[in-house]
């Protein structure tokens, strides 16, 4: 059975809200964690 994850990194919001410049890098890091974990299973 395939394992699937949907990772979404939102870094830009509507005017008046602060952006999160690290969101995309966080998602990329989580992808690496999940891929490495899946390779061990």
C-alpha atoms as a PDB file:
ATOM      1  CA  UNK A   1       0.000   0.000   0.000  1.00  0.00           C
ATOM      2  CA  UNK A   2       1.384   3.414  -0.975  1.00  0.00           C
ATOM      3  CA  UNK A   3       1.952   6.035   1.683  1.00  0.00           C
ATOM      4  CA  UNK A   4       1.085   9.549   0.610  1.00  0.00           C
ATOM      5  CA  UNK A   5       1.497  12.914   2.317  1.00  0.00           C
ATOM      6  CA  UNK A   6       0.379  16.330   1.149  1.00  0.00           C
ATOM      7  CA  UNK A   7       2.694  19.052   2.430  1.00  0.00           C
ATOM      8  CA  UNK A   8       1.612  22.674   2.015  1.00  0.00           C
ATOM      9  CA  UNK A   9       3.791  25.641   2.861  1.00  0.00           C
ATOM     10  CA  UNK A  10       2.016  28.981   2.755  1.00  0.00           C
ATOM     11  CA  UNK A  11       4.417  31.873   3.145  1.00  0.00           C
ATOM     12  CA  UNK A  12       2.414  34.818   1.838  1.00  0.00           C
ATOM     13  CA  UNK A  13      -0.861  36.076   3.268  1.00  0.00           C
ATOM     14  CA  UNK A  14      -3.300  38.858   2.603  1.00  0.00           C
ATOM     15  CA  UNK A  15      -2.271  42.453   3.345  1.00  0.00           C
ATOM     16  CA  UNK A  16      -2.022  43.196   7.054  1.00  0.00           C
ATOM     17  CA  UNK A  17      -0.696  39.745   7.987  1.00  0.00           C
ATOM     18  CA  UNK A  18       2.985  38.983   8.352  1.00  0.00           C
ATOM     19  CA  UNK A  19       4.587  36.627   5.860  1.00  0.00           C
ATOM     20  CA  UNK A  20       6.360  33.456   6.957  1.00  0.00           C
ATOM     21  CA  UNK A  21       9.529  33.301   4.862  1.00  0.00           C
ATOM     22  CA  UNK A  22      10.619  29.955   6.326  1.00  0.00           C
ATOM     23  CA  UNK A  23       7.433  28.052   5.473  1.00  0.00           C
ATOM     24  CA  UNK A  24       8.700  26.640   2.178  1.00  0.00           C
ATOM     25  CA  UNK A  25      12.003  25.527   3.726  1.00  0.00           C
ATOM     26  CA  UNK A  26      10.074  23.897   6.580  1.00  0.00           C
ATOM     27  CA  UNK A  27       8.009  21.889   4.097  1.00  0.00           C
ATOM     28  CA  UNK A  28      11.129  20.851   2.196  1.00  0.00           C
ATOM     29  CA  UNK A  29      12.732  19.694   5.458  1.00  0.00           C
ATOM     30  CA  UNK A  30       9.615  17.723   6.398  1.00  0.00           C
ATOM     31  CA  UNK A  31       9.652  16.091   2.974  1.00  0.00           C
ATOM     32  CA  UNK A  32      13.220  14.896   3.566  1.00  0.00           C
ATOM     33  CA  UNK A  33      12.238  13.510   6.982  1.00  0.00           C
ATOM     34  CA  UNK A  34       9.273  11.612   5.556  1.00  0.00           C
ATOM     35  CA  UNK A  35      11.182  10.252   2.572  1.00  0.00           C
ATOM     36  CA  UNK A  36      14.056   9.070   4.779  1.00  0.00           C
ATOM     37  CA  UNK A  37      11.586   7.434   7.190  1.00  0.00           C
ATOM     38  CA  UNK A  38       9.760   5.703   4.324  1.00  0.00           C
ATOM     39  CA  UNK A  39      13.050   4.285   2.996  1.00  0.00           C
ATOM     40  CA  UNK A  40      13.661   2.590   6.357  1.00  0.00           C
ATOM     41  CA  UNK A  41      10.213   0.955   6.531  1.00  0.00           C
END
